[in-house]
Amino acid sequence: MFITGGVRSGKSHFAEKAAIRHYQNESLMAKRLLYIASGVAMDGEMEKRILRHQADRQAQDTVWHTIEAPYQIEEAFDRLCDGDVVLWDCVTTWLTNAFYEGFDSGRMCVEKPGCLEKKLQSLQEAVLTLLEKKVTLFVVSNELFDEPPYTSEEVELYRQMLGKLHQWFVSVANEAYEINYGIVKKWK
């Protein structure tokens, strides 16, 4: 299932409820309920968002197992087993991390020819492997396409890559939803 929408639209809450419902309905077959988190607390705002998401999950009756995967998402996917129910939150955070991976060493992925394309290909291959493993995957992302194109080449490259990634996720997903203002629209 692919879930997208605006910031603070309710998409993570919707995804959590859907994953829990699926996990409970498949309780004889479902092995684990996992949350793959891609956020990195690089500033106070992000730290608050991460803490809020953690608190939301801890307040639920269902136990979530969390895997932190800000960069190598395929390594997190490799740890999954048949029957797992997984919520990945979120694609936009992971893509941002992919763009700027290597910042500490002075050469970001976005500046290296082919680096981003290789990361996207690895991600897509890993997702397809999950489908073979019979892992139920809920993918959350952000909708960034209602605004006019940016003058920054880097920001526009990010939006273009994210748009292609969204199209790919929708093409392989059984269901696709967009959430705005707490209103859920099923597209597929």
Protein backbone atom coordinates (compact mmCIF):
# COMPACT_ATOMS: atom_id res chain seq x y z
CA MET A 1 0.00 0.00 0.00
CA PHE A 2 1.31 3.43 -0.95
CA ILE A 3 0.17 6.44 1.10
CA THR A 4 1.00 10.03 0.27
CA GLY A 5 -0.24 13.45 1.29
CA GLY A 6 0.67 16.83 2.64
CA VAL A 7 2.66 17.53 5.79
CA ARG A 8 0.60 16.87 8.94
CA SER A 9 -2.25 15.50 6.82
CA GLY A 10 -2.77 12.33 8.87
CA LYS A 11 -1.00 9.94 6.53
CA SER A 12 1.23 8.32 9.18
CA HIS A 13 -1.75 7.76 11.48
CA PHE A 14 -3.74 6.28 8.59
CA ALA A 15 -0.82 4.01 7.65
CA GLU A 16 -0.32 2.84 11.25
CA LYS A 17 -4.01 1.96 11.61
CA ALA A 18 -4.01 0.11 8.27
CA ALA A 19 -0.85 -1.84 9.16
CA ILE A 20 -2.21 -2.80 12.59
CA ARG A 21 -5.54 -3.86 11.09
CA HIS A 22 -3.74 -6.02 8.51
CA TYR A 23 -1.45 -7.48 11.19
CA GLN A 24 -4.41 -8.37 13.42
CA ASN A 25 -6.42 -9.85 10.54
CA GLU A 26 -3.45 -11.98 9.51
CA SER A 27 -2.48 -12.92 13.09
CA LEU A 28 -2.03 -16.60 12.26
CA MET A 29 0.30 -15.81 9.38
CA ALA A 30 1.76 -12.42 10.35
CA LYS A 31 5.06 -12.77 12.15
CA ARG A 32 6.01 -9.24 13.18
CA LEU A 33 4.73 -5.70 12.99
CA LEU A 34 7.66 -3.50 12.03
CA TYR A 35 8.20 0.21 11.65
CA ILE A 36 11.08 1.28 9.43
CA ALA A 37 12.06 4.84 10.31
CA SER A 38 14.15 6.95 7.95
CA GLY A 39 14.23 10.17 9.97
CA VAL A 40 17.44 11.67 11.34
CA ALA A 41 17.16 14.28 14.09
CA MET A 42 19.37 16.94 12.53
CA ASP A 43 17.47 19.83 14.07
CA GLY A 44 14.99 20.51 16.85
CA GLU A 45 11.93 20.32 14.62
CA MET A 46 12.86 16.89 13.26
CA GLU A 47 13.71 15.65 16.74
CA LYS A 48 10.21 16.67 17.91
CA ARG A 49 8.60 14.92 14.95
CA ILE A 50 10.53 11.71 15.63
CA LEU A 51 9.63 11.80 19.32
CA ARG A 52 5.96 12.41 18.47
CA HIS A 53 5.89 9.43 16.09
CA GLN A 54 7.58 7.22 18.69
CA ALA A 55 5.12 8.31 21.39
CA ASP A 56 2.17 7.64 19.05
CA ARG A 57 3.36 4.07 18.47
CA GLN A 58 4.12 3.45 22.16
CA ALA A 59 0.60 4.61 23.12
CA GLN A 60 -0.95 1.86 20.99
CA ASP A 61 -1.96 -1.56 22.31
CA THR A 62 0.06 -3.25 19.57
CA VAL A 63 3.83 -3.68 19.87
CA TRP A 64 5.89 -2.23 17.03
CA HIS A 65 9.45 -3.38 16.34
CA THR A 66 11.44 -0.44 14.99
CA ILE A 67 14.29 -0.57 12.50
CA GLU A 68 16.22 2.66 11.93
CA ALA A 69 17.13 2.96 8.25
CA PRO A 70 18.02 6.51 7.28
CA TYR A 71 20.34 5.49 4.44
CA GLN A 72 20.62 1.84 3.38
CA ILE A 73 16.95 0.90 3.17
CA GLU A 74 17.76 -2.30 1.30
CA GLU A 75 19.69 -3.56 4.35
CA ALA A 76 16.59 -3.05 6.50
CA PHE A 77 14.47 -4.85 3.91
CA ASP A 78 16.93 -7.77 3.91
CA ARG A 79 16.10 -8.34 7.60
CA LEU A 80 12.42 -8.94 6.89
CA CYS A 81 10.78 -12.37 6.76
CA ASP A 82 7.76 -13.95 5.12
CA GLY A 83 4.63 -12.80 6.87
CA ASP A 84 6.03 -9.55 8.28
CA VAL A 85 3.80 -6.47 8.17
CA VAL A 86 5.97 -3.40 7.64
CA LEU A 87 5.36 0.34 7.68
CA TRP A 88 8.09 2.49 6.12
CA ASP A 89 7.90 6.17 7.04
CA CYS A 90 8.94 7.86 4.87
CA VAL A 91 10.19 7.94 1.28
CA THR A 92 10.79 11.70 1.17
CA THR A 93 12.98 11.62 4.27
CA TRP A 94 14.96 8.68 2.89
CA LEU A 95 15.40 10.42 -0.49
CA THR A 96 16.64 13.58 1.25
CA ASN A 97 19.12 11.45 3.20
CA ALA A 98 20.23 9.78 -0.04
CA PHE A 99 20.82 13.17 -1.70
CA TYR A 100 23.03 14.44 1.10
CA GLU A 101 24.74 11.22 2.20
CA GLY A 102 28.46 11.97 2.25
CA PHE A 103 28.00 15.59 3.37
CA ASP A 104 30.30 14.91 6.34
CA SER A 105 33.12 13.84 4.05
CA GLY A 106 32.67 16.78 1.68
CA ARG A 107 31.13 14.97 -1.30
CA MET A 108 27.39 14.37 -1.30
CA CYS A 109 25.69 11.65 -3.32
CA VAL A 110 23.83 14.26 -5.38
CA GLU A 111 27.23 15.53 -6.59
CA LYS A 112 28.50 12.08 -7.63
CA PRO A 113 27.49 10.93 -11.13
CA GLY A 114 25.19 7.91 -10.95
CA CYS A 115 25.04 7.79 -7.16
CA LEU A 116 21.35 8.65 -6.80
CA GLU A 117 20.34 6.43 -9.69
CA LYS A 118 22.16 3.51 -8.05
CA LYS A 119 20.37 4.14 -4.74
CA LEU A 120 16.97 4.27 -6.45
CA GLN A 121 17.68 1.07 -8.36
CA SER A 122 18.74 -0.69 -5.13
CA LEU A 123 15.56 0.51 -3.44
CA GLN A 124 13.35 -0.75 -6.26
CA GLU A 125 15.10 -4.13 -6.37
CA ALA A 126 14.72 -4.46 -2.58
CA VAL A 127 10.98 -3.66 -2.73
CA LEU A 128 10.46 -6.24 -5.48
CA THR A 129 12.29 -8.80 -3.35
CA LEU A 130 9.86 -8.06 -0.51
CA LEU A 131 6.96 -8.89 -2.78
CA GLU A 132 8.57 -12.29 -3.42
CA LYS A 133 9.03 -12.79 0.34
CA LYS A 134 5.33 -12.16 0.96
CA VAL A 135 6.02 -9.15 3.16
CA THR A 136 3.13 -6.71 3.45
CA LEU A 137 4.60 -3.25 2.97
CA PHE A 138 2.93 0.07 3.76
CA VAL A 139 4.90 2.98 2.29
CA VAL A 140 4.39 6.60 3.40
CA SER A 141 5.58 9.60 1.42
CA ASN A 142 4.90 13.33 1.11
CA GLU A 143 3.16 15.11 -1.72
CA LEU A 144 5.31 17.98 -3.01
CA PHE A 145 3.86 18.57 -6.44
CA ASP A 146 1.23 21.27 -5.94
CA GLU A 147 3.79 24.06 -6.10
CA PRO A 148 5.37 25.56 -9.23
CA PRO A 149 8.85 24.39 -10.26
CA TYR A 150 11.72 25.69 -8.17
CA THR A 151 14.58 27.76 -9.53
CA SER A 152 17.08 25.62 -7.61
CA GLU A 153 18.29 22.80 -9.85
CA GLU A 154 18.91 20.59 -6.83
CA VAL A 155 15.39 21.05 -5.44
CA GLU A 156 13.84 20.50 -8.85
CA LEU A 157 15.94 17.33 -9.35
CA TYR A 158 14.66 16.10 -5.97
CA ARG A 159 11.04 16.75 -6.97
CA GLN A 160 11.51 15.03 -10.34
CA MET A 161 13.11 11.97 -8.73
CA LEU A 162 10.42 11.83 -6.06
CA GLY A 163 7.70 12.08 -8.71
CA LYS A 164 9.17 9.16 -10.65
CA LEU A 165 9.57 7.19 -7.44
CA HIS A 166 5.92 7.84 -6.52
CA GLN A 167 4.80 6.65 -9.95
CA TRP A 168 6.84 3.49 -9.55
CA PHE A 169 5.47 2.78 -6.07
CA VAL A 170 1.90 3.23 -7.29
CA SER A 171 2.58 0.90 -10.24
CA VAL A 172 3.68 -1.95 -7.92
CA ALA A 173 1.24 -1.24 -5.07
CA ASN A 174 -2.08 -3.03 -4.65
CA GLU A 175 -3.60 0.14 -3.21
CA ALA A 176 -2.68 3.83 -3.34
CA TYR A 177 -4.09 6.62 -1.15
CA GLU A 178 -3.69 10.35 -0.90
CA ILE A 179 -4.53 12.11 2.36
CA ASN A 180 -5.11 15.83 2.72
CA TYR A 181 -6.63 17.62 5.69
CA GLY A 182 -7.42 14.22 7.23
CA ILE A 183 -9.54 13.26 4.20
CA VAL A 184 -8.57 9.98 2.57
CA LYS A 185 -8.87 9.50 -1.19
CA LYS A 186 -8.26 6.05 -2.65
CA TRP A 187 -6.67 6.30 -6.11
CA LYS A 188 -5.98 2.62 -6.71
